[in-house]
Amino acid sequence: MGSTIRAGVIGTGFMGTVHARAIHAAGATLARVSSHTTEATRRGAEIMGAAGVAESAEELIAAEDVDVVHICTPNHLHFPLAEQALRAGKHIVCEKPLATTPADAQRLAELAAGTDVVTAVPFVYRFYPTVREARARIADGEAGRLWLLHGSYLQDWLAGSSESNWRVDPALGGASRAFGDIGVHWCDLMEFVTGHRIVRLIAAMARAFDERPFGGASGAVATEDGATVLFQTDQGALGSVVVSQVSPGRKNRLAFSFDGTDASYRFDAEAPDTLQVGGRTENRLISRGPDTLKPPAAAYAFLPAGHPQGYQDSFNALVRDTYAAIGGMQPDGLPAFADGYRAAALTAAVVESARSQAWVEAPEGTRPTSRPLLSTPEKEEAHAR
């Protein structure tokens, strides 16, 4: 591999274009793209600024001028394409879910662990500077003992009975839609920021509409529009999250409040340039900026405070860190295939709990790859317990 990383993107929809912009921002070459038809591939190459095309995903993976494969296809294709890319020795950025079953996700994580390739799953909210600020403050012990971890992830892109998408079909998207698509983002972020890990949960799922159009006709919906999850963590905290893709007016509201005995930390992805730090005598708003945040967070604040920085910037940071890892560095908090397996296992636990209407133990063997840096003896002792 030369000094300039050469990327290939499979899938030319919304996420493919997000990946392409991040590839260019990282100074890499977008060598090839591939889509489901020749016309979609040609159009995608033009829009995404690709140097060339591949007639198929398989051709792109095998291409000698592709060092890293970005998989941005419907969910059911993630596993076979990622497995093929691993066997070809390519670095991989695979959209979540890593696979639609925990067994397939575990297979990919184990295959990746036995290679020297760099893998990444875009849990992109880890890369918001204000999220990193909350993580740094919690790691420094400023929160005291975290005991209540709660929030929501609300969208409205399916807020209408006439709205549909391939994700509605479990054969293409998986058994869970709302939680599997966006709820896992919230859970990943909670575990990344707090260092806590979900060990048991109880969930319920619901649909706003029982029928939606799909495949040219209207049919029964088999996946959920929303879910609620109550959980407990390995460090004794209680938590809850509400997830919905049918909440009018909520465009992309991932929000959390992580409450400790001494302080709480509140974040909202629809207003991501501030972090609210709650206290008994005052609440403080921390503005995002390279000179307003702690060093681990300031490294991700590319613009001065008051100059909005959002989703694409954070995605750019994820891809930048992935490529830095390919170059031999070890960026803090890069989500890998092990994290994708963790998300798939939690999704399966949520589906099982909703079906059985009972508490379900989260699989013990799935752990996040990154936890906050511990900076006090008290926190080290707590984690040892």
Protein backbone atom coordinates (compact mmCIF):
# COMPACT_ATOMS: atom_id res chain seq x y z
CA MET A 1 0.00 0.00 0.00
CA GLY A 2 1.32 3.42 -0.94
CA SER A 3 1.33 6.52 1.20
CA THR A 4 -2.10 7.63 -0.03
CA ILE A 5 -4.92 5.36 1.05
CA ARG A 6 -7.15 4.18 -1.76
CA ALA A 7 -10.77 3.59 -0.82
CA GLY A 8 -13.68 1.82 -2.46
CA VAL A 9 -17.32 2.42 -1.53
CA ILE A 10 -20.02 -0.19 -2.06
CA GLY A 11 -23.39 1.60 -2.10
CA THR A 12 -24.10 5.05 -3.52
CA GLY A 13 -27.09 6.18 -1.45
CA PHE A 14 -27.16 8.68 1.40
CA MET A 15 -24.58 6.86 3.53
CA GLY A 16 -22.32 6.22 0.55
CA THR A 17 -22.12 9.94 -0.14
CA VAL A 18 -21.37 10.64 3.54
CA HIS A 19 -18.51 8.14 3.41
CA ALA A 20 -17.23 9.66 0.16
CA ARG A 21 -17.05 13.17 1.63
CA ALA A 22 -15.17 11.79 4.64
CA ILE A 23 -12.74 9.91 2.38
CA HIS A 24 -11.94 13.10 0.47
CA ALA A 25 -11.62 15.09 3.72
CA ALA A 26 -9.08 12.56 4.98
CA GLY A 27 -6.90 13.19 1.93
CA ALA A 28 -7.46 9.69 0.57
CA THR A 29 -8.32 8.68 -2.98
CA LEU A 30 -11.80 7.39 -3.74
CA ALA A 31 -10.59 4.84 -6.26
CA ARG A 32 -13.82 3.02 -7.06
CA VAL A 33 -17.52 2.85 -6.28
CA SER A 34 -20.07 0.17 -6.97
CA SER A 35 -23.86 0.10 -6.70
CA HIS A 36 -26.77 -2.20 -7.48
CA THR A 37 -27.05 -1.19 -11.16
CA THR A 38 -24.67 0.09 -13.82
CA GLU A 39 -26.56 3.39 -13.98
CA ALA A 40 -26.52 3.86 -10.20
CA THR A 41 -22.79 3.11 -10.18
CA ARG A 42 -22.09 5.64 -12.95
CA ARG A 43 -24.22 8.31 -11.31
CA GLY A 44 -22.71 7.61 -7.90
CA ALA A 45 -19.17 7.88 -9.23
CA GLU A 46 -19.95 11.30 -10.65
CA ILE A 47 -21.66 12.60 -7.51
CA MET A 48 -19.11 11.11 -5.12
CA GLY A 49 -16.00 12.12 -7.05
CA ALA A 50 -14.70 8.61 -7.66
CA ALA A 51 -11.74 7.97 -9.93
CA GLY A 52 -13.30 4.78 -11.27
CA VAL A 53 -16.06 2.22 -10.94
CA ALA A 54 -16.44 -1.50 -10.35
CA GLU A 55 -19.09 -3.57 -12.08
CA SER A 56 -19.86 -5.42 -8.85
CA ALA A 57 -19.11 -5.40 -5.15
CA GLU A 58 -17.00 -8.49 -5.62
CA GLU A 59 -14.92 -6.75 -8.29
CA LEU A 60 -14.38 -3.75 -6.02
CA ILE A 61 -13.24 -5.91 -3.12
CA ALA A 62 -10.78 -7.78 -5.34
CA ALA A 63 -9.40 -4.63 -7.00
CA GLU A 64 -5.69 -4.06 -6.46
CA ASP A 65 -6.19 -0.29 -6.29
CA VAL A 66 -8.51 -0.53 -3.26
CA ASP A 67 -6.90 -0.68 0.20
CA VAL A 68 -10.01 -0.09 2.35
CA VAL A 69 -13.58 -1.13 1.57
CA HIS A 70 -16.51 0.97 2.80
CA ILE A 71 -19.73 -1.10 2.95
CA CYS A 72 -22.84 1.10 2.68
CA THR A 73 -25.42 -1.41 1.41
CA PRO A 74 -28.72 -2.68 2.82
CA ASN A 75 -28.13 -4.53 6.07
CA HIS A 76 -28.49 -8.10 4.83
CA LEU A 77 -25.45 -7.66 2.57
CA HIS A 78 -23.09 -6.46 5.30
CA PHE A 79 -22.04 -9.91 6.52
CA PRO A 80 -21.19 -11.56 3.19
CA LEU A 81 -19.39 -8.49 1.85
CA ALA A 82 -17.43 -7.88 5.06
CA GLU A 83 -16.44 -11.55 5.21
CA GLN A 84 -15.25 -11.42 1.61
CA ALA A 85 -13.28 -8.23 2.27
CA LEU A 86 -11.65 -9.74 5.36
CA ARG A 87 -10.59 -12.81 3.40
CA ALA A 88 -9.15 -10.49 0.73
CA GLY A 89 -7.04 -8.77 3.39
CA LYS A 90 -8.75 -5.38 2.96
CA HIS A 91 -9.32 -2.85 5.72
CA ILE A 92 -13.05 -2.32 6.24
CA VAL A 93 -15.48 0.37 7.31
CA CYS A 94 -18.86 -1.38 7.53
CA GLU A 95 -22.08 0.42 8.31
CA LYS A 96 -24.06 -0.91 11.20
CA PRO A 97 -25.55 -3.31 11.87
CA LEU A 98 -22.39 -5.28 11.28
CA ALA A 99 -24.70 -8.25 10.63
CA THR A 100 -28.38 -8.99 11.12
CA THR A 101 -27.69 -11.84 13.58
CA PRO A 102 -25.34 -12.00 16.57
CA ALA A 103 -23.79 -15.22 15.23
CA ASP A 104 -22.76 -13.58 11.96
CA ALA A 105 -21.49 -10.46 13.76
CA GLN A 106 -19.47 -12.64 16.13
CA ARG A 107 -18.03 -14.51 13.16
CA LEU A 108 -16.84 -11.24 11.61
CA ALA A 109 -15.38 -9.97 14.89
CA GLU A 110 -13.47 -13.22 15.37
CA LEU A 111 -12.21 -13.24 11.80
CA ALA A 112 -11.04 -9.64 12.16
CA ALA A 113 -9.29 -10.40 15.45
CA GLY A 114 -7.16 -12.98 13.66
CA THR A 115 -5.86 -10.53 11.05
CA ASP A 116 -3.87 -7.32 10.85
CA VAL A 117 -6.66 -5.42 9.09
CA VAL A 118 -8.26 -2.34 10.62
CA THR A 119 -12.03 -2.55 11.00
CA ALA A 120 -14.48 0.18 11.89
CA VAL A 121 -18.24 0.41 12.44
CA PRO A 122 -19.54 4.01 12.20
CA PHE A 123 -20.82 4.68 15.69
CA VAL A 124 -20.23 8.25 14.66
CA TYR A 125 -21.67 10.02 17.71
CA ARG A 126 -18.52 9.07 19.61
CA PHE A 127 -16.78 11.74 17.56
CA TYR A 128 -18.80 14.78 18.64
CA PRO A 129 -16.43 16.96 20.67
CA THR A 130 -19.05 17.66 23.36
CA VAL A 131 -19.59 13.91 23.76
CA ARG A 132 -15.84 13.48 24.23
CA GLU A 133 -15.99 16.29 26.79
CA ALA A 134 -18.63 14.46 28.81
CA ARG A 135 -16.49 11.32 28.62
CA ALA A 136 -13.38 13.14 29.82
CA ARG A 137 -15.21 14.79 32.73
CA ILE A 138 -16.73 11.48 33.83
CA ALA A 139 -13.32 9.79 33.57
CA ASP A 140 -11.89 12.54 35.78
CA GLY A 141 -14.45 11.67 38.46
CA GLU A 142 -16.37 14.95 38.25
CA ALA A 143 -19.76 13.21 38.14
CA GLY A 144 -19.27 11.30 41.36
CA ARG A 145 -21.02 7.94 41.21
CA LEU A 146 -23.10 7.55 38.07
CA TRP A 147 -26.40 6.02 39.05
CA LEU A 148 -29.02 7.01 36.42
CA LEU A 149 -28.34 6.85 32.66
CA HIS A 150 -31.27 7.89 30.49
CA GLY A 151 -32.22 9.42 27.18
CA SER A 152 -33.78 8.89 23.79
CA TYR A 153 -33.16 8.71 20.07
CA LEU A 154 -36.09 10.12 18.13
CA GLN A 155 -36.57 10.62 14.38
CA ASP A 156 -39.58 11.34 12.15
CA TRP A 157 -38.56 10.04 8.72
CA LEU A 158 -41.24 7.32 8.91
CA ALA A 159 -43.89 9.54 10.51
CA GLY A 160 -46.57 8.75 7.95
CA SER A 161 -48.33 5.57 6.91
CA SER A 162 -47.30 6.15 3.29
CA GLU A 163 -43.58 6.30 4.16
CA SER A 164 -41.49 3.20 3.66
CA ASN A 165 -37.96 1.96 3.07
CA TRP A 166 -36.10 -1.33 2.62
CA ARG A 167 -35.41 -1.25 6.37
CA VAL A 168 -39.11 -2.01 7.00
CA ASP A 169 -38.58 -5.51 5.58
CA PRO A 170 -36.90 -7.78 8.17
CA ALA A 171 -35.40 -9.87 5.37
CA LEU A 172 -33.37 -6.83 4.32
CA GLY A 173 -32.99 -4.83 7.53
CA GLY A 174 -33.11 -7.44 10.28
CA ALA A 175 -35.55 -8.45 13.00
CA SER A 176 -35.41 -5.03 14.69
CA ARG A 177 -35.71 -1.74 12.83
CA ALA A 178 -35.94 1.20 15.24
CA PHE A 179 -33.70 -0.23 17.95
CA GLY A 180 -31.40 -2.06 15.53
CA ASP A 181 -31.01 1.06 13.39
CA ILE A 182 -30.74 3.87 15.95
CA GLY A 183 -31.17 2.45 19.44
CA VAL A 184 -27.79 0.76 19.17
CA HIS A 185 -26.22 4.17 18.55
CA TRP A 186 -27.56 5.39 21.91
CA CYS A 187 -26.41 2.27 23.76
CA ASP A 188 -22.96 2.39 22.19
CA LEU A 189 -22.64 6.05 23.15
CA MET A 190 -23.77 5.42 26.72
CA GLU A 191 -21.22 2.65 27.20
CA PHE A 192 -18.46 4.64 25.49
CA VAL A 193 -19.01 7.82 27.51
CA THR A 194 -19.69 6.31 30.93
CA GLY A 195 -17.64 3.11 30.95
CA HIS A 196 -20.72 1.27 32.18
CA ARG A 197 -21.92 -1.86 30.40
CA ILE A 198 -25.50 -3.08 30.09
CA VAL A 199 -25.83 -6.47 31.79
CA ARG A 200 -29.61 -7.02 31.78
CA LEU A 201 -32.61 -5.35 30.19
CA ILE A 202 -36.34 -5.47 29.66
CA ALA A 203 -37.86 -4.03 26.50
CA ALA A 204 -41.14 -3.34 24.75
CA MET A 205 -41.76 -2.56 21.08
CA ALA A 206 -44.63 -0.85 19.28
CA ARG A 207 -45.77 0.24 15.84
CA ALA A 208 -47.50 3.47 14.92
CA PHE A 209 -48.73 1.92 11.65
CA ASP A 210 -49.53 -1.72 11.03
CA GLU A 211 -49.27 -1.39 7.25
CA ARG A 212 -46.86 0.42 4.94
CA PRO A 213 -46.22 0.31 1.22
CA PHE A 214 -43.43 -2.01 0.17
CA GLY A 215 -42.57 -3.61 -3.16
CA GLY A 216 -45.35 -1.81 -5.02
CA ALA A 217 -48.11 -2.87 -2.63
CA SER A 218 -49.29 -2.22 0.91
CA GLY A 219 -48.51 -4.89 3.44
CA ALA A 220 -48.26 -5.71 7.13
CA VAL A 221 -45.27 -4.27 8.96
CA ALA A 222 -43.18 -6.81 10.85
CA THR A 223 -40.66 -4.45 12.45
CA GLU A 224 -41.11 -1.89 15.22
CA ASP A 225 -41.52 1.87 14.83
CA GLY A 226 -40.36 2.44 18.38
CA ALA A 227 -39.08 0.76 21.51
CA THR A 228 -38.47 1.39 25.18
CA VAL A 229 -35.66 -0.31 27.07
CA LEU A 230 -35.00 -0.38 30.80
CA PHE A 231 -31.57 -1.65 31.76
CA GLN A 232 -29.07 -2.21 34.56
CA THR A 233 -25.31 -1.86 34.26
CA ASP A 234 -22.29 -3.71 35.57
CA GLN A 235 -21.53 -0.78 37.91
CA GLY A 236 -24.97 -0.70 39.52
CA ALA A 237 -26.61 2.08 37.53
CA LEU A 238 -30.20 2.07 36.31
CA GLY A 239 -30.98 3.31 32.82
CA SER A 240 -33.61 3.72 30.13
CA VAL A 241 -33.83 4.74 26.50
CA VAL A 242 -36.82 5.55 24.26
CA VAL A 243 -36.34 5.01 20.53
CA SER A 244 -38.65 6.11 17.72
CA GLN A 245 -38.59 6.68 13.97
CA VAL A 246 -42.15 8.10 14.05
CA SER A 247 -41.90 11.18 16.32
CA PRO A 248 -43.04 14.22 14.27
CA GLY A 249 -40.65 17.14 14.49
CA ARG A 250 -37.70 15.12 15.77
CA LYS A 251 -35.28 14.98 12.86
CA ASN A 252 -32.34 13.28 14.55
CA ARG A 253 -32.58 13.79 18.28
CA LEU A 254 -30.15 11.55 20.07
CA ALA A 255 -30.17 12.89 23.62
CA PHE A 256 -28.76 11.68 26.90
CA SER A 257 -28.55 12.65 30.53
CA PHE A 258 -25.94 10.80 32.52
CA ASP A 259 -26.61 11.60 36.16
CA GLY A 260 -24.06 11.26 38.92
CA THR A 261 -24.15 12.11 42.60
CA ASP A 262 -22.13 15.29 41.98
CA ALA A 263 -22.98 16.34 38.42
CA SER A 264 -25.01 15.40 35.36
CA TYR A 265 -24.12 15.68 31.67
CA ARG A 266 -26.72 16.40 29.01
CA PHE A 267 -26.25 16.23 25.23
CA ASP A 268 -28.63 16.68 22.29
CA ALA A 269 -27.51 15.80 18.75
CA GLU A 270 -29.89 18.42 17.32
CA ALA A 271 -27.89 21.06 19.23
CA PRO A 272 -24.49 19.37 19.47
CA ASP A 273 -22.26 22.39 19.97
CA THR A 274 -23.01 22.62 23.69
CA LEU A 275 -22.79 20.26 26.63
CA GLN A 276 -24.89 21.03 29.67
CA VAL A 277 -23.25 20.26 33.00
CA GLY A 278 -25.82 20.16 35.78
CA GLY A 279 -25.09 20.95 39.42
CA ARG A 280 -26.99 21.66 42.62
CA THR A 281 -26.29 25.39 42.59
CA GLU A 282 -25.79 26.09 38.90
CA ASN A 283 -26.04 24.65 35.41
CA ARG A 284 -23.23 25.37 32.96
CA LEU A 285 -23.20 25.31 29.18
CA ILE A 286 -19.85 24.25 27.75
CA SER A 287 -19.39 25.54 24.20
CA ARG A 288 -17.66 23.37 21.65
CA GLY A 289 -14.31 24.83 20.63
CA PRO A 290 -10.61 23.95 20.63
CA ASP A 291 -10.01 26.36 23.53
CA THR A 292 -13.09 25.52 25.62
CA LEU A 293 -12.80 21.74 26.04
CA LYS A 294 -10.48 19.33 27.80
CA PRO A 295 -7.59 18.12 25.57
CA PRO A 296 -9.13 14.72 24.63
CA ALA A 297 -12.24 16.52 23.38
CA ALA A 298 -10.52 19.59 21.95
CA ALA A 299 -8.69 17.32 19.49
CA TYR A 300 -12.05 16.82 17.75
CA ALA A 301 -13.10 20.49 17.76
CA PHE A 302 -11.94 21.60 14.33
CA LEU A 303 -13.64 25.01 14.33
CA PRO A 304 -13.80 27.86 16.87
CA ALA A 305 -16.81 28.07 19.17
CA GLY A 306 -19.79 29.63 17.42
CA HIS A 307 -18.95 27.99 14.09
CA PRO A 308 -21.32 24.99 13.90
CA GLN A 309 -19.78 21.55 13.65
CA GLY A 310 -22.02 18.55 13.10
CA TYR A 311 -22.67 15.09 11.73
CA GLN A 312 -20.48 15.19 8.63
CA ASP A 313 -17.59 16.67 10.64
CA SER A 314 -17.87 13.85 13.14
CA PHE A 315 -18.05 11.28 10.36
CA ASN A 316 -14.95 12.85 8.84
CA ALA A 317 -13.21 12.40 12.18
CA LEU A 318 -14.17 8.72 12.33
CA VAL A 319 -12.76 8.05 8.87
CA ARG A 320 -9.66 10.14 9.65
CA ASP A 321 -9.03 8.04 12.76
CA THR A 322 -9.65 4.81 10.84
CA TYR A 323 -7.07 5.77 8.25
CA ALA A 324 -4.67 6.82 11.00
CA ALA A 325 -5.05 3.32 12.44
CA ILE A 326 -4.30 1.86 9.01
CA GLY A 327 -1.12 3.95 9.12
CA GLY A 328 -0.10 2.37 12.42
CA MET A 329 -1.49 4.82 14.98
CA GLN A 330 -3.90 3.84 17.78
CA PRO A 331 -6.66 6.47 17.94
CA ASP A 332 -8.67 6.50 21.16
CA GLY A 333 -12.23 5.24 20.87
CA LEU A 334 -12.27 3.91 17.33
CA PRO A 335 -15.30 1.55 17.13
CA ALA A 336 -14.29 -1.79 15.60
CA PHE A 337 -16.03 -5.02 14.60
CA ALA A 338 -16.10 -6.08 18.27
CA ASP A 339 -18.37 -3.09 18.92
CA GLY A 340 -20.54 -4.12 15.99
CA TYR A 341 -20.90 -7.56 17.55
CA ARG A 342 -21.81 -5.92 20.86
CA ALA A 343 -24.60 -3.96 19.13
CA ALA A 344 -25.94 -7.06 17.38
CA ALA A 345 -26.03 -8.96 20.68
CA LEU A 346 -27.88 -6.14 22.44
CA THR A 347 -30.37 -5.95 19.57
CA ALA A 348 -31.07 -9.67 19.87
CA ALA A 349 -31.56 -9.27 23.63
CA VAL A 350 -34.03 -6.43 23.07
CA VAL A 351 -35.98 -8.48 20.52
CA GLU A 352 -36.07 -11.48 22.87
CA SER A 353 -37.18 -9.37 25.84
CA ALA A 354 -39.96 -7.72 23.84
CA ARG A 355 -41.14 -11.15 22.72
CA SER A 356 -41.00 -12.79 26.15
CA GLN A 357 -41.98 -9.68 28.14
CA ALA A 358 -39.24 -10.58 30.61
CA TRP A 359 -35.81 -9.45 31.75
CA VAL A 360 -33.00 -10.76 29.55
CA GLU A 361 -29.32 -11.02 30.42
CA ALA A 362 -27.03 -9.19 27.98
CA PRO A 363 -24.40 -11.59 26.57
CA GLU A 364 -21.37 -11.58 28.85
CA GLY A 365 -18.82 -12.12 26.10
CA THR A 366 -19.51 -8.91 24.20
CA ARG A 367 -17.60 -5.93 25.51
CA PRO A 368 -17.01 -2.48 24.05
CA THR A 369 -13.45 -1.99 22.79
CA SER A 370 -13.07 1.41 24.47
CA ARG A 371 -13.79 2.70 27.94
CA PRO A 372 -13.06 6.10 29.45
CA LEU A 373 -9.52 6.52 30.72
CA LEU A 374 -9.48 6.08 34.48
CA SER A 375 -7.77 8.83 36.34
CA THR A 376 -8.60 8.23 39.99
CA PRO A 377 -7.92 5.28 42.32
CA GLU A 378 -11.61 5.26 43.25
CA LYS A 379 -12.69 4.68 39.65
CA GLU A 380 -10.03 2.00 39.16
CA GLU A 381 -11.34 0.22 42.26
CA ALA A 382 -14.92 0.57 41.02
CA HIS A 383 -14.07 -0.98 37.66
CA ALA A 384 -12.18 -3.79 39.38
CA ARG A 385 -15.39 -4.68 41.22
